[in-house]
């Protein structure tokens, strides 16, 4: 009977990893992996979660032996995304055109977009700082005016006394 421990060993062999390498990938020692594969140590929920996430393994297969060993990666479909996000024909053409550009051109565009984004975030940060500075300056003037008024009032009282 093919048990979880056997599937773990099978997986490790398919990945061409030693017990030490396999263990390192999921934060376990070589001896822990050896003990799991020999059945000395039970496979825990934590082992299953670590293995499935580290190696993109189908959890159902690891638990039962049924189904595919590896989780199939989702494929990107522009048509599916266009429907999901209700893209216009223009938006679809722009996305298609972008994907057809040579890698170097796409990288240049990403760099340009990055600079534009940085400029706007810096401008927004500067604007906020300027607003704060203006408000602080206004408050300072208000406090100075109050102080002058108190000083003037105090000096007028002394003169009248």
N, C-alpha and C. Protein backbone atom coordinates (compact mmCIF):
# COMPACT_ATOMS: atom_id res chain seq x y z
N UNK A 1 0.84 -1.19 0.00
CA UNK A 1 0.00 0.00 0.00
C UNK A 1 0.88 1.25 0.00
N UNK A 2 0.55 2.19 -0.89
CA UNK A 2 1.33 3.42 -1.02
C UNK A 2 0.84 4.42 0.02
N UNK A 3 1.67 4.71 1.00
CA UNK A 3 1.31 5.61 2.09
C UNK A 3 1.93 6.99 1.87
N UNK A 4 1.54 7.93 2.72
CA UNK A 4 2.07 9.29 2.62
C UNK A 4 3.59 9.28 2.67
N UNK A 5 4.15 8.48 3.55
CA UNK A 5 5.62 8.43 3.68
C UNK A 5 6.25 7.99 2.36
N UNK A 6 5.59 7.06 1.66
CA UNK A 6 6.10 6.59 0.37
C UNK A 6 5.98 7.67 -0.69
N UNK A 7 4.88 8.42 -0.64
CA UNK A 7 4.70 9.50 -1.62
C UNK A 7 5.71 10.61 -1.39
N UNK A 8 6.05 10.86 -0.14
CA UNK A 8 7.07 11.88 0.15
C UNK A 8 8.42 11.45 -0.41
N UNK A 9 8.76 10.19 -0.23
CA UNK A 9 10.02 9.68 -0.77
C UNK A 9 9.99 9.71 -2.30
N UNK A 10 8.86 9.31 -2.88
CA UNK A 10 8.71 9.33 -4.34
C UNK A 10 8.89 10.76 -4.87
N UNK A 11 8.26 11.71 -4.20
CA UNK A 11 8.37 13.11 -4.59
C UNK A 11 9.82 13.57 -4.53
N UNK A 12 10.49 13.26 -3.43
CA UNK A 12 11.88 13.67 -3.25
C UNK A 12 12.76 13.10 -4.36
N UNK A 13 12.51 11.84 -4.73
CA UNK A 13 13.29 11.19 -5.80
C UNK A 13 13.01 11.86 -7.15
N UNK A 14 11.75 12.17 -7.42
CA UNK A 14 11.39 12.84 -8.68
C UNK A 14 12.05 14.21 -8.76
N UNK A 15 12.11 14.89 -7.63
CA UNK A 15 12.75 16.21 -7.59
C UNK A 15 14.27 16.12 -7.59
N UNK A 16 14.78 14.89 -7.49
CA UNK A 16 16.23 14.63 -7.47
C UNK A 16 16.92 15.39 -6.34
N UNK A 17 16.32 15.29 -5.15
CA UNK A 17 16.87 15.95 -3.97
C UNK A 17 17.28 14.90 -2.95
N UNK A 18 18.38 15.18 -2.28
CA UNK A 18 18.78 14.32 -1.16
C UNK A 18 17.83 14.61 0.00
N UNK A 19 17.87 13.75 1.01
CA UNK A 19 17.04 14.01 2.19
C UNK A 19 17.41 15.35 2.82
N UNK A 20 18.68 15.66 2.81
CA UNK A 20 19.14 16.92 3.39
C UNK A 20 18.62 18.11 2.60
N UNK A 21 18.73 18.05 1.26
CA UNK A 21 18.26 19.15 0.40
C UNK A 21 16.74 19.32 0.53
N UNK A 22 16.04 18.20 0.53
CA UNK A 22 14.58 18.23 0.66
C UNK A 22 14.21 18.86 2.00
N UNK A 23 14.86 18.41 3.06
CA UNK A 23 14.60 18.95 4.40
C UNK A 23 14.90 20.43 4.49
N UNK A 24 16.04 20.85 3.91
CA UNK A 24 16.40 22.27 3.93
C UNK A 24 15.31 23.12 3.27
N UNK A 25 14.71 22.59 2.21
CA UNK A 25 13.69 23.34 1.47
C UNK A 25 12.44 23.59 2.29
N UNK A 26 12.20 22.73 3.27
CA UNK A 26 10.98 22.89 4.08
C UNK A 26 11.28 23.11 5.56
N UNK A 27 12.54 23.34 5.88
CA UNK A 27 12.90 23.67 7.25
C UNK A 27 12.99 22.49 8.19
N UNK A 28 13.27 21.30 7.65
CA UNK A 28 13.43 20.11 8.48
C UNK A 28 14.83 19.55 8.31
N UNK A 29 15.26 18.75 9.27
CA UNK A 29 16.60 18.15 9.19
C UNK A 29 16.56 16.89 8.33
N UNK A 30 17.74 16.46 7.93
CA UNK A 30 17.88 15.23 7.16
C UNK A 30 17.31 14.05 7.95
N UNK A 31 17.59 14.01 9.25
CA UNK A 31 17.10 12.89 10.07
C UNK A 31 15.58 12.91 10.18
N UNK A 32 14.97 14.09 10.21
CA UNK A 32 13.50 14.18 10.25
C UNK A 32 12.90 13.59 8.98
N UNK A 33 13.49 13.94 7.84
CA UNK A 33 13.00 13.42 6.57
C UNK A 33 13.18 11.90 6.53
N UNK A 34 14.34 11.44 6.96
CA UNK A 34 14.61 10.00 6.99
C UNK A 34 13.59 9.27 7.86
N UNK A 35 13.32 9.82 9.04
CA UNK A 35 12.35 9.20 9.95
C UNK A 35 10.94 9.18 9.37
N UNK A 36 10.56 10.24 8.65
CA UNK A 36 9.24 10.28 8.01
C UNK A 36 9.18 9.22 6.92
N UNK A 37 10.21 9.15 6.08
CA UNK A 37 10.22 8.19 4.98
C UNK A 37 10.23 6.74 5.47
N UNK A 38 10.85 6.49 6.60
CA UNK A 38 10.91 5.13 7.17
C UNK A 38 9.65 4.79 7.96
N UNK A 39 8.83 5.79 8.25
CA UNK A 39 7.63 5.55 9.04
C UNK A 39 7.88 5.61 10.54
N UNK A 40 9.09 5.99 10.94
CA UNK A 40 9.41 6.13 12.36
C UNK A 40 8.65 7.32 12.93
N UNK A 41 8.50 8.33 12.11
CA UNK A 41 7.81 9.55 12.51
C UNK A 41 6.61 9.73 11.59
N UNK A 42 5.46 10.10 12.15
CA UNK A 42 4.26 10.30 11.35
C UNK A 42 4.35 11.59 10.54
N UNK A 43 3.66 11.60 9.41
CA UNK A 43 3.55 12.82 8.60
C UNK A 43 2.53 13.72 9.31
N UNK A 44 2.93 14.94 9.60
CA UNK A 44 2.04 15.87 10.31
C UNK A 44 1.37 16.83 9.32
N UNK A 45 0.37 17.53 9.83
CA UNK A 45 -0.29 18.57 9.02
C UNK A 45 0.73 19.61 8.57
N UNK A 46 1.64 19.96 9.47
CA UNK A 46 2.67 20.95 9.14
C UNK A 46 3.54 20.44 8.00
N UNK A 47 3.93 19.16 8.04
CA UNK A 47 4.73 18.59 6.95
C UNK A 47 3.99 18.74 5.62
N UNK A 48 2.71 18.38 5.63
CA UNK A 48 1.91 18.44 4.41
C UNK A 48 1.85 19.87 3.88
N UNK A 49 1.58 20.83 4.75
CA UNK A 49 1.50 22.23 4.32
C UNK A 49 2.84 22.72 3.78
N UNK A 50 3.93 22.37 4.46
CA UNK A 50 5.26 22.80 4.01
C UNK A 50 5.59 22.22 2.65
N UNK A 51 5.34 20.92 2.48
CA UNK A 51 5.68 20.24 1.23
C UNK A 51 4.84 20.77 0.08
N UNK A 52 3.53 20.91 0.30
CA UNK A 52 2.66 21.37 -0.79
C UNK A 52 3.00 22.79 -1.23
N UNK A 53 3.33 23.65 -0.28
CA UNK A 53 3.64 25.03 -0.68
C UNK A 53 5.05 25.16 -1.25
N UNK A 54 6.01 24.43 -0.72
CA UNK A 54 7.39 24.56 -1.20
C UNK A 54 7.58 23.99 -2.59
N UNK A 55 6.85 22.92 -2.91
CA UNK A 55 7.10 22.23 -4.18
C UNK A 55 5.90 22.25 -5.13
N UNK A 56 4.87 23.04 -4.82
CA UNK A 56 3.69 23.16 -5.67
C UNK A 56 3.03 21.79 -5.88
N UNK A 57 2.82 21.08 -4.76
CA UNK A 57 2.29 19.72 -4.79
C UNK A 57 0.79 19.74 -4.50
N UNK A 58 0.07 18.87 -5.18
CA UNK A 58 -1.36 18.70 -4.98
C UNK A 58 -1.57 18.05 -3.61
N UNK A 59 -2.19 18.76 -2.70
CA UNK A 59 -2.39 18.26 -1.34
C UNK A 59 -3.21 16.97 -1.33
N UNK A 60 -4.21 16.89 -2.20
CA UNK A 60 -5.03 15.68 -2.27
C UNK A 60 -4.17 14.47 -2.66
N UNK A 61 -3.26 14.66 -3.62
CA UNK A 61 -2.37 13.56 -4.01
C UNK A 61 -1.48 13.15 -2.83
N UNK A 62 -0.92 14.12 -2.14
CA UNK A 62 -0.02 13.81 -1.03
C UNK A 62 -0.75 13.04 0.08
N UNK A 63 -2.00 13.40 0.31
CA UNK A 63 -2.76 12.73 1.37
C UNK A 63 -3.27 11.35 0.94
N UNK A 64 -3.73 11.24 -0.31
CA UNK A 64 -4.45 10.02 -0.73
C UNK A 64 -3.76 9.23 -1.84
N UNK A 65 -2.89 9.88 -2.58
CA UNK A 65 -2.29 9.22 -3.74
C UNK A 65 -3.14 9.36 -4.99
N UNK A 66 -4.26 10.06 -4.89
CA UNK A 66 -5.16 10.23 -6.03
C UNK A 66 -4.92 11.57 -6.70
N UNK A 67 -5.06 11.60 -8.01
CA UNK A 67 -4.91 12.83 -8.77
C UNK A 67 -3.47 13.06 -9.21
N UNK A 68 -3.23 14.25 -9.70
CA UNK A 68 -1.89 14.61 -10.18
C UNK A 68 -0.99 14.97 -9.01
N UNK A 69 0.29 14.68 -9.15
CA UNK A 69 1.26 14.99 -8.10
C UNK A 69 1.44 16.50 -7.96
N UNK A 70 1.61 17.17 -9.09
CA UNK A 70 1.89 18.61 -9.07
C UNK A 70 0.62 19.40 -9.38
N UNK A 71 0.52 20.56 -8.77
CA UNK A 71 -0.58 21.47 -9.06
C UNK A 71 -0.26 22.14 -10.39
N UNK A 72 -1.23 22.16 -11.26
CA UNK A 72 -1.02 22.80 -12.56
C UNK A 72 -1.08 24.30 -12.37
N UNK A 73 -0.11 24.99 -12.95
CA UNK A 73 -0.09 26.45 -12.88
C UNK A 73 -1.24 27.01 -13.70
N UNK A 74 -1.80 28.10 -13.19
CA UNK A 74 -2.84 28.78 -13.96
C UNK A 74 -2.19 29.42 -15.18
N UNK A 75 -2.87 29.35 -16.28
CA UNK A 75 -2.36 30.01 -17.48
C UNK A 75 -3.03 31.37 -17.61
N UNK A 76 -2.32 32.28 -18.22
CA UNK A 76 -2.84 33.62 -18.41
C UNK A 76 -3.61 33.65 -19.72
N UNK A 77 -4.83 34.10 -19.67
CA UNK A 77 -5.63 34.25 -20.87
C UNK A 77 -6.13 35.69 -20.93
N UNK A 78 -5.66 36.40 -21.96
CA UNK A 78 -6.10 37.79 -22.11
C UNK A 78 -7.61 37.85 -22.31
N UNK A 79 -8.15 36.88 -23.05
CA UNK A 79 -9.60 36.87 -23.27
C UNK A 79 -10.36 36.74 -21.95
N UNK A 80 -9.89 35.83 -21.07
CA UNK A 80 -10.56 35.66 -19.78
C UNK A 80 -10.45 36.93 -18.93
N UNK A 81 -9.27 37.54 -18.92
CA UNK A 81 -9.08 38.77 -18.14
C UNK A 81 -9.94 39.90 -18.72
N UNK A 82 -10.01 39.96 -20.05
CA UNK A 82 -10.81 41.01 -20.70
C UNK A 82 -12.27 40.89 -20.29
N UNK A 83 -12.77 39.67 -20.27
CA UNK A 83 -14.17 39.46 -19.86
C UNK A 83 -14.35 39.79 -18.38
N UNK A 84 -13.42 39.31 -17.56
CA UNK A 84 -13.53 39.50 -16.11
C UNK A 84 -13.54 40.98 -15.75
N UNK A 85 -12.68 41.78 -16.43
CA UNK A 85 -12.54 43.19 -16.09
C UNK A 85 -13.27 44.11 -17.07
N UNK A 86 -14.08 43.51 -17.95
CA UNK A 86 -14.90 44.27 -18.90
C UNK A 86 -14.07 45.27 -19.71
N UNK A 87 -12.96 44.77 -20.30
CA UNK A 87 -12.08 45.64 -21.08
C UNK A 87 -12.71 45.98 -22.42
N UNK A 88 -12.43 47.19 -22.89
CA UNK A 88 -12.90 47.62 -24.21
C UNK A 88 -11.97 47.03 -25.28
N UNK A 89 -12.39 47.12 -26.53
CA UNK A 89 -11.54 46.64 -27.63
C UNK A 89 -10.21 47.39 -27.65
N UNK A 90 -10.25 48.69 -27.38
CA UNK A 90 -9.03 49.49 -27.35
C UNK A 90 -8.08 48.97 -26.27
N UNK A 91 -8.61 48.72 -25.08
CA UNK A 91 -7.77 48.21 -23.99
C UNK A 91 -7.16 46.85 -24.34
N UNK A 92 -7.95 45.99 -24.98
CA UNK A 92 -7.44 44.68 -25.39
C UNK A 92 -6.33 44.85 -26.42
N UNK A 93 -6.54 45.74 -27.39
CA UNK A 93 -5.51 45.99 -28.42
C UNK A 93 -4.24 46.55 -27.80
N UNK A 94 -4.38 47.44 -26.82
CA UNK A 94 -3.20 48.00 -26.14
C UNK A 94 -2.44 46.89 -25.43
N UNK A 95 -3.14 46.05 -24.69
CA UNK A 95 -2.49 44.95 -23.97
C UNK A 95 -1.82 43.97 -24.94
N UNK A 96 -2.51 43.63 -26.02
CA UNK A 96 -1.94 42.71 -27.01
C UNK A 96 -0.71 43.33 -27.64
N UNK A 97 -0.81 44.60 -28.01
CA UNK A 97 0.33 45.29 -28.61
C UNK A 97 1.52 45.34 -27.68
N UNK A 98 1.26 45.60 -26.42
CA UNK A 98 2.34 45.64 -25.42
C UNK A 98 3.04 44.29 -25.34
N UNK A 99 2.27 43.22 -25.29
CA UNK A 99 2.86 41.88 -25.16
C UNK A 99 3.67 41.48 -26.40
N UNK A 100 3.36 42.08 -27.54
CA UNK A 100 4.09 41.76 -28.77
C UNK A 100 5.39 42.56 -28.90
N UNK A 101 5.58 43.56 -28.05
CA UNK A 101 6.82 44.35 -28.10
C UNK A 101 8.02 43.51 -27.68
N UNK A 102 9.20 43.82 -28.21
CA UNK A 102 10.41 43.12 -27.76
C UNK A 102 10.65 43.40 -26.27
N UNK A 103 11.28 42.47 -25.62
CA UNK A 103 11.54 42.57 -24.18
C UNK A 103 12.25 43.87 -23.82
N UNK A 104 13.23 44.27 -24.63
CA UNK A 104 13.98 45.49 -24.32
C UNK A 104 13.05 46.71 -24.33
N UNK A 105 12.15 46.77 -25.29
CA UNK A 105 11.22 47.89 -25.38
C UNK A 105 10.27 47.89 -24.18
N UNK A 106 9.78 46.70 -23.81
CA UNK A 106 8.90 46.62 -22.63
C UNK A 106 9.64 47.08 -21.38
N UNK A 107 10.91 46.67 -21.25
CA UNK A 107 11.71 47.09 -20.09
C UNK A 107 11.91 48.60 -20.07
N UNK A 108 12.14 49.19 -21.25
CA UNK A 108 12.28 50.65 -21.33
C UNK A 108 10.98 51.34 -20.91
N UNK A 109 9.85 50.80 -21.36
CA UNK A 109 8.56 51.37 -20.98
C UNK A 109 8.33 51.27 -19.47
N UNK A 110 8.67 50.13 -18.90
CA UNK A 110 8.51 49.95 -17.45
C UNK A 110 9.38 50.98 -16.71
N UNK A 111 10.60 51.19 -17.21
CA UNK A 111 11.48 52.19 -16.60
C UNK A 111 10.87 53.58 -16.69
N UNK A 112 10.32 53.92 -17.85
CA UNK A 112 9.68 55.21 -18.05
C UNK A 112 8.48 55.37 -17.12
N UNK A 113 7.63 54.33 -17.07
CA UNK A 113 6.47 54.38 -16.19
C UNK A 113 6.90 54.54 -14.74
N UNK A 114 7.98 53.87 -14.37
CA UNK A 114 8.51 53.97 -13.01
C UNK A 114 8.93 55.39 -12.68
N UNK A 115 9.61 56.05 -13.64
CA UNK A 115 10.03 57.44 -13.42
C UNK A 115 8.83 58.37 -13.27
N UNK A 116 7.84 58.15 -14.12
CA UNK A 116 6.63 58.99 -14.06
C UNK A 116 5.93 58.78 -12.72
N UNK A 117 5.81 57.54 -12.31
CA UNK A 117 5.17 57.23 -11.02
C UNK A 117 5.94 57.88 -9.88
N UNK A 118 7.26 57.73 -9.91
CA UNK A 118 8.10 58.31 -8.84
C UNK A 118 7.92 59.82 -8.77
N UNK A 119 7.89 60.45 -9.94
CA UNK A 119 7.73 61.91 -9.99
C UNK A 119 6.41 62.32 -9.33
N UNK A 120 5.36 61.58 -9.64
CA UNK A 120 4.05 61.94 -9.08
C UNK A 120 3.97 61.64 -7.59
N UNK A 121 4.59 60.57 -7.14
CA UNK A 121 4.55 60.28 -5.71
C UNK A 121 5.40 61.29 -4.95
N UNK A 122 6.53 61.72 -5.56
CA UNK A 122 7.36 62.75 -4.93
C UNK A 122 6.60 64.07 -4.88
N UNK A 123 5.89 64.39 -5.98
CA UNK A 123 5.10 65.62 -6.03
C UNK A 123 4.01 65.59 -4.96
N UNK A 124 3.34 64.46 -4.83
CA UNK A 124 2.28 64.33 -3.83
C UNK A 124 2.87 64.49 -2.43
N UNK A 125 4.02 63.87 -2.19
CA UNK A 125 4.66 63.98 -0.87
C UNK A 125 5.08 65.42 -0.61
N UNK A 126 5.64 66.07 -1.65
CA UNK A 126 6.07 67.46 -1.51
C UNK A 126 4.87 68.36 -1.24
N UNK A 127 3.78 68.13 -1.95
CA UNK A 127 2.57 68.92 -1.77
C UNK A 127 2.06 68.78 -0.34
N UNK A 128 2.04 67.59 0.17
CA UNK A 128 1.58 67.36 1.55
C UNK A 128 2.49 68.08 2.53
N UNK A 129 3.81 67.96 2.32
CA UNK A 129 4.76 68.64 3.19
C UNK A 129 4.56 70.15 3.13
N UNK A 130 4.36 70.68 1.91
CA UNK A 130 4.14 72.12 1.75
C UNK A 130 2.87 72.56 2.48
N UNK A 131 1.81 71.75 2.38
CA UNK A 131 0.57 72.08 3.07
C UNK A 131 0.77 72.10 4.58
N UNK A 132 1.50 71.11 5.08
CA UNK A 132 1.78 71.06 6.52
C UNK A 132 2.60 72.26 6.95
N UNK A 133 3.64 72.57 6.16
CA UNK A 133 4.49 73.73 6.48
C UNK A 133 3.66 75.02 6.49
N UNK A 134 2.77 75.18 5.53
CA UNK A 134 1.93 76.38 5.46
C UNK A 134 1.01 76.46 6.67
N UNK A 135 0.45 75.32 7.06
CA UNK A 135 -0.45 75.31 8.21
C UNK A 135 0.31 75.62 9.50
N UNK A 136 1.51 75.06 9.64
CA UNK A 136 2.34 75.34 10.82
C UNK A 136 2.69 76.82 10.86
N UNK A 137 3.07 77.39 9.72
CA UNK A 137 3.42 78.81 9.64
C UNK A 137 2.22 79.68 10.02
N UNK A 138 1.05 79.31 9.53
CA UNK A 138 -0.16 80.06 9.84
C UNK A 138 -0.46 80.00 11.34
N UNK A 139 -0.32 78.82 11.92
CA UNK A 139 -0.55 78.65 13.36
C UNK A 139 0.47 79.46 14.17
N UNK A 140 1.72 79.46 13.70
CA UNK A 140 2.77 80.22 14.38
C UNK A 140 2.43 81.71 14.38
N UNK A 141 1.98 82.22 13.23
CA UNK A 141 1.60 83.64 13.14
C UNK A 141 0.43 83.96 14.06
N UNK A 142 -0.51 83.03 14.14
CA UNK A 142 -1.66 83.21 15.01
C UNK A 142 -1.21 83.30 16.47
N UNK A 143 -0.31 82.39 16.86
CA UNK A 143 0.21 82.41 18.24
C UNK A 143 0.98 83.69 18.53
N UNK A 144 1.78 84.15 17.55
CA UNK A 144 2.54 85.39 17.73
C UNK A 144 1.59 86.58 17.89
N UNK A 145 0.51 86.59 17.09
CA UNK A 145 -0.46 87.69 17.18
C UNK A 145 -1.13 87.69 18.55
N UNK A 146 -1.49 86.50 19.05
CA UNK A 146 -2.09 86.41 20.39
C UNK A 146 -1.13 86.92 21.45
N UNK A 147 0.15 86.55 21.31
CA UNK A 147 1.16 86.97 22.29
C UNK A 147 1.31 88.49 22.26
N UNK A 148 1.34 89.08 21.06
CA UNK A 148 1.46 90.53 20.94
C UNK A 148 0.24 91.21 21.57
N UNK A 149 -0.93 90.62 21.34
CA UNK A 149 -2.16 91.20 21.89
C UNK A 149 -2.12 91.16 23.41
N UNK A 150 -1.66 90.06 23.99
CA UNK A 150 -1.56 89.97 25.45
C UNK A 150 -0.54 90.96 25.99
N UNK A 151 0.59 91.07 25.29
CA UNK A 151 1.63 92.00 25.72
C UNK A 151 1.09 93.43 25.67
N UNK A 152 0.42 93.77 24.58
CA UNK A 152 -0.15 95.10 24.43
C UNK A 152 -1.19 95.37 25.52
N UNK A 153 -2.04 94.41 25.77
CA UNK A 153 -3.08 94.55 26.79
C UNK A 153 -2.45 94.73 28.17
N UNK A 154 -1.40 93.95 28.45
CA UNK A 154 -0.72 94.06 29.75
C UNK A 154 -0.07 95.42 29.89
N UNK A 155 0.56 95.93 28.83
CA UNK A 155 1.22 97.23 28.92
C UNK A 155 0.20 98.35 29.05
N UNK A 156 -0.97 98.22 28.42
CA UNK A 156 -2.03 99.23 28.55
C UNK A 156 -2.57 99.24 29.97
N UNK A 157 -2.68 98.08 30.59
CA UNK A 157 -3.18 98.00 31.97
C UNK A 157 -2.21 98.68 32.92
N UNK A 158 -0.90 98.48 32.66
CA UNK A 158 0.10 99.11 33.53
C UNK A 158 0.03 100.63 33.40
N UNK A 159 -0.18 101.11 32.19
CA UNK A 159 -0.24 102.56 31.97
C UNK A 159 -1.46 103.18 32.65
N UNK A 160 -2.55 102.44 32.67
CA UNK A 160 -3.78 102.98 33.27
C UNK A 160 -3.78 102.83 34.79
N UNK A 161 -2.93 102.01 35.32
CA UNK A 161 -2.94 101.82 36.77
C UNK A 161 -2.15 102.86 37.49
